[in-house]
Amino acid sequence: MTRSIQPERHSVSRIGWLRAAVLGANDGIVSTSSLVIGVAASGASHAAVLIAGLAALVAGAMSMAAGEYVSVSSQSDTEKADLARERGELADQPDFERQELADIYAERGLEPALALEVADQLMAKDALRAHARDELGISEVMSARPLQAAGASAATFSVGAAPPLIVIPLASQSALIPAVAALSVICLTILGYLGARAGGAPIGRSILRVTFWGILAMAFTAAIGRLFGTAVA
């Protein structure tokens, strides 16, 4: 009986959106919960804490979207410039480009004659794609997608920032800080777990990484809020 071969699915295929999504969610949880805790520690009212948290959500989501779009667009512009240059070189000096590609394969372990044959076959099918992948390191999986990165960052930031805000009207003044902190640590733990599963990384290390920095940020902002709240009072 002939077995059908199933195509393998690798975690690297998710790297474009996964990095932006994890960064956005983590920043949403940490920055919003830290701001809420800092403002609450200063002795501000529930209304003031909620307004500050909502402002943090909107500003943070827009900032993440803009930052991701600008940075990934710069990467995309660089890739397009490299591809345009490579397209011109393929048109002007195809023999040199053929040998250049063959040398790359030879350095990876192929015999020179086989390396040339591989280069010929790949260039006959799609010369620019072969050089983009093996000479420039640009592939369809890894190529920059500015809108995808911006959208993922803004959406996941908003999702991450929502739990601390939901706690504000539900918790009393005295329980607000521990409630926000506890829920934020739970959310960071879940984020670390999901990010590790999606990316194929060690789960324990991922959870420890995101929770450590989140707890540190909340502790610092609580101290700052208490310090300046006392000074103002």
Protein backbone atom coordinates (compact mmCIF):
# COMPACT_ATOMS: atom_id res chain seq x y z
CA MET A 1 0.00 0.00 0.00
CA THR A 2 1.35 3.42 -0.94
CA ARG A 3 1.37 5.94 1.84
CA SER A 4 0.40 9.49 1.03
CA ILE A 5 3.03 11.96 2.14
CA GLN A 6 1.63 14.82 4.13
CA PRO A 7 3.40 18.19 3.73
CA GLU A 8 5.27 19.25 6.84
CA ARG A 9 4.19 22.39 8.65
CA HIS A 10 6.97 24.35 10.29
CA SER A 11 6.69 27.03 12.97
CA VAL A 12 8.81 29.45 10.91
CA SER A 13 5.86 29.88 8.53
CA ARG A 14 4.08 31.75 11.32
CA ILE A 15 6.96 34.05 12.22
CA GLY A 16 5.62 37.07 10.31
CA TRP A 17 2.43 37.46 12.33
CA LEU A 18 3.51 35.59 15.46
CA ARG A 19 6.23 38.07 16.43
CA ALA A 20 3.91 41.06 16.01
CA ALA A 21 1.03 39.31 17.79
CA VAL A 22 3.04 38.24 20.83
CA LEU A 23 4.71 41.65 21.07
CA GLY A 24 1.39 43.45 20.81
CA ALA A 25 -0.41 41.31 23.40
CA ASN A 26 2.50 41.41 25.82
CA ASP A 27 2.82 45.17 25.53
CA GLY A 28 -0.94 45.58 25.94
CA ILE A 29 -1.00 43.58 29.17
CA VAL A 30 2.19 44.99 30.68
CA SER A 31 1.88 48.66 29.75
CA THR A 32 -1.83 49.00 30.55
CA SER A 33 -1.76 47.04 33.81
CA SER A 34 1.38 48.89 34.90
CA LEU A 35 -0.21 52.26 34.14
CA VAL A 36 -3.41 51.29 35.95
CA ILE A 37 -1.46 50.09 38.98
CA GLY A 38 0.74 53.19 38.99
CA VAL A 39 -2.22 55.56 38.81
CA ALA A 40 -4.17 53.57 41.41
CA ALA A 41 -1.14 53.54 43.74
CA SER A 42 -1.10 57.35 43.63
CA GLY A 43 -4.52 57.39 45.28
CA ALA A 44 -6.51 58.38 42.18
CA SER A 45 -10.25 57.65 41.97
CA HIS A 46 -11.74 54.73 40.05
CA ALA A 47 -12.90 57.13 37.33
CA ALA A 48 -9.42 58.60 36.88
CA VAL A 49 -7.83 55.14 36.78
CA LEU A 50 -10.35 53.97 34.17
CA ILE A 51 -9.84 57.04 31.96
CA ALA A 52 -6.06 56.58 32.15
CA GLY A 53 -6.43 52.91 31.25
CA LEU A 54 -8.69 53.60 28.28
CA ALA A 55 -6.33 56.29 27.02
CA ALA A 56 -3.45 53.82 27.35
CA LEU A 57 -5.34 51.23 25.31
CA VAL A 58 -6.14 53.59 22.43
CA ALA A 59 -2.74 55.29 22.37
CA GLY A 60 -0.87 52.02 22.74
CA ALA A 61 -2.79 50.24 19.97
CA MET A 62 -2.19 53.10 17.55
CA SER A 63 1.45 53.38 18.54
CA MET A 64 2.02 49.64 18.06
CA ALA A 65 0.30 49.69 14.67
CA ALA A 66 2.26 52.72 13.48
CA GLY A 67 5.57 51.41 14.80
CA GLU A 68 5.14 47.99 13.22
CA TYR A 69 3.98 49.47 9.92
CA VAL A 70 6.91 51.87 9.67
CA SER A 71 9.57 49.32 10.68
CA VAL A 72 8.23 46.50 8.52
CA SER A 73 7.70 48.90 5.61
CA SER A 74 11.38 49.83 5.83
CA GLN A 75 12.26 46.14 5.66
CA SER A 76 9.91 45.70 2.71
CA ASP A 77 11.49 48.66 0.88
CA THR A 78 14.94 47.16 1.39
CA GLU A 79 13.77 43.79 0.06
CA LYS A 80 12.22 45.42 -3.02
CA ALA A 81 15.40 47.39 -3.71
CA ASP A 82 17.52 44.23 -3.44
CA LEU A 83 15.17 42.33 -5.74
CA ALA A 84 15.22 45.14 -8.31
CA ARG A 85 19.02 45.16 -8.25
CA GLU A 86 19.12 41.38 -8.60
CA ARG A 87 16.65 41.49 -11.49
CA GLY A 88 18.95 43.91 -13.32
CA GLU A 89 22.01 41.77 -12.67
CA LEU A 90 20.23 38.70 -14.02
CA ALA A 91 19.41 40.59 -17.21
CA ASP A 92 22.89 42.10 -17.64
CA GLN A 93 25.16 39.21 -16.57
CA PRO A 94 23.27 35.92 -16.46
CA ASP A 95 26.42 33.77 -16.68
CA PHE A 96 27.96 35.44 -13.63
CA GLU A 97 24.71 35.06 -11.69
CA ARG A 98 24.51 31.40 -12.68
CA GLN A 99 28.02 30.77 -11.38
CA GLU A 100 27.30 32.78 -8.24
CA LEU A 101 24.29 30.59 -7.46
CA ALA A 102 26.26 27.43 -8.21
CA ASP A 103 29.03 28.56 -5.84
CA ILE A 104 26.47 28.96 -3.08
CA TYR A 105 25.30 25.37 -3.56
CA ALA A 106 28.88 24.13 -3.75
CA GLU A 107 29.65 25.80 -0.42
CA ARG A 108 26.71 23.90 1.05
CA GLY A 109 28.25 20.59 0.05
CA LEU A 110 27.27 19.82 -3.56
CA GLU A 111 29.83 18.75 -6.13
CA PRO A 112 30.66 21.62 -8.54
CA ALA A 113 29.10 19.89 -11.54
CA LEU A 114 25.92 19.08 -9.61
CA ALA A 115 25.83 22.61 -8.17
CA LEU A 116 25.84 24.02 -11.71
CA GLU A 117 23.10 21.62 -12.77
CA VAL A 118 20.96 22.60 -9.79
CA ALA A 119 21.55 26.29 -10.51
CA ASP A 120 20.57 25.79 -14.16
CA GLN A 121 17.35 23.98 -13.31
CA LEU A 122 16.28 26.47 -10.65
CA MET A 123 17.10 29.48 -12.82
CA ALA A 124 15.21 27.95 -15.74
CA LYS A 125 12.11 27.76 -13.59
CA ASP A 126 12.39 31.12 -11.75
CA ALA A 127 15.81 32.75 -11.69
CA LEU A 128 14.84 35.72 -9.52
CA ARG A 129 13.13 33.54 -6.92
CA ALA A 130 16.15 31.23 -6.73
CA HIS A 131 18.56 34.13 -6.19
CA ALA A 132 16.20 35.88 -3.78
CA ARG A 133 15.96 32.78 -1.60
CA ASP A 134 19.52 31.45 -1.74
CA GLU A 135 21.60 34.59 -2.31
CA LEU A 136 19.58 37.30 -0.55
CA GLY A 137 17.76 35.17 2.03
CA ILE A 138 14.34 36.49 1.00
CA SER A 139 11.51 33.98 0.83
CA GLU A 140 7.74 34.19 0.64
CA VAL A 141 7.49 32.98 4.25
CA MET A 142 9.93 35.52 5.64
CA SER A 143 9.09 38.51 3.45
CA ALA A 144 7.87 41.67 5.14
CA ARG A 145 4.11 42.34 5.30
CA PRO A 146 3.58 45.81 6.86
CA LEU A 147 -0.23 45.79 7.01
CA GLN A 148 -0.35 42.30 8.48
CA ALA A 149 2.18 43.23 11.17
CA ALA A 150 0.40 46.53 11.98
CA GLY A 151 -3.02 44.91 12.20
CA ALA A 152 -1.80 42.03 14.34
CA SER A 153 0.00 44.39 16.73
CA ALA A 154 -2.96 46.77 17.16
CA ALA A 155 -5.50 43.99 17.61
CA THR A 156 -3.46 41.94 20.06
CA PHE A 157 -2.45 45.04 22.03
CA SER A 158 -6.14 45.85 22.47
CA VAL A 159 -6.92 42.29 23.54
CA GLY A 160 -4.04 42.34 26.02
CA ALA A 161 -5.03 45.73 27.41
CA ALA A 162 -8.68 44.79 27.95
CA PRO A 163 -8.45 42.54 31.07
CA PRO A 164 -6.88 45.18 33.37
CA LEU A 165 -9.61 47.63 32.34
CA ILE A 166 -12.41 45.14 33.01
CA VAL A 167 -11.19 44.74 36.59
CA ILE A 168 -11.39 48.46 37.43
CA PRO A 169 -15.18 48.83 37.83
CA LEU A 170 -15.45 45.41 39.50
CA ALA A 171 -12.82 45.76 42.24
CA SER A 172 -12.93 47.96 45.32
CA GLN A 173 -10.33 50.68 45.85
CA SER A 174 -8.33 48.55 48.27
CA ALA A 175 -8.47 45.42 46.08
CA LEU A 176 -7.82 47.15 42.73
CA ILE A 177 -4.03 46.85 42.62
CA PRO A 178 -3.78 43.18 43.69
CA ALA A 179 -6.69 42.25 41.40
CA VAL A 180 -5.13 43.92 38.35
CA ALA A 181 -1.73 42.45 39.14
CA ALA A 182 -3.08 38.93 39.63
CA LEU A 183 -5.16 38.97 36.46
CA SER A 184 -2.25 40.41 34.47
CA VAL A 185 0.10 37.65 35.63
CA ILE A 186 -2.51 35.06 34.64
CA CYS A 187 -2.88 36.67 31.21
CA LEU A 188 0.90 36.80 30.75
CA THR A 189 1.14 33.13 31.69
CA ILE A 190 -1.49 32.25 29.09
CA LEU A 191 0.28 34.42 26.51
CA GLY A 192 3.61 32.74 27.22
CA TYR A 193 1.99 29.33 26.85
CA LEU A 194 0.19 30.18 23.59
CA GLY A 195 3.25 31.86 22.10
CA ALA A 196 5.41 28.84 22.93
CA ARG A 197 2.89 26.42 21.46
CA ALA A 198 2.45 28.44 18.27
CA GLY A 199 6.18 28.92 17.81
CA GLY A 200 7.30 25.47 18.96
CA ALA A 201 9.43 26.93 21.79
CA PRO A 202 9.95 25.58 25.34
CA ILE A 203 6.79 26.43 27.32
CA GLY A 204 8.36 26.96 30.75
CA ARG A 205 11.01 29.35 29.48
CA SER A 206 8.47 31.36 27.48
CA ILE A 207 6.13 31.72 30.46
CA LEU A 208 8.97 32.72 32.80
CA ARG A 209 10.25 35.31 30.34
CA VAL A 210 6.97 37.18 29.91
CA THR A 211 5.82 36.97 33.54
CA PHE A 212 9.16 38.14 34.97
CA TRP A 213 9.27 41.35 32.97
CA GLY A 214 5.57 41.99 33.50
CA ILE A 215 5.85 41.67 37.28
CA LEU A 216 8.95 43.88 37.27
CA ALA A 217 7.17 46.60 35.28
CA MET A 218 4.12 46.55 37.56
CA ALA A 219 6.30 46.70 40.68
CA PHE A 220 8.22 49.73 39.40
CA THR A 221 5.12 51.67 38.37
CA ALA A 222 3.40 50.89 41.67
CA ALA A 223 6.43 52.28 43.51
CA ILE A 224 6.49 55.41 41.32
CA GLY A 225 2.75 55.97 41.76
CA ARG A 226 2.93 55.58 45.53
CA LEU A 227 6.00 57.86 45.73
CA PHE A 228 4.56 60.69 43.67
CA GLY A 229 1.05 60.26 45.10
CA THR A 230 2.45 60.70 48.59
CA ALA A 231 4.53 63.69 47.50
CA VAL A 232 1.52 65.43 45.91
CA ALA A 233 -0.71 64.68 48.88
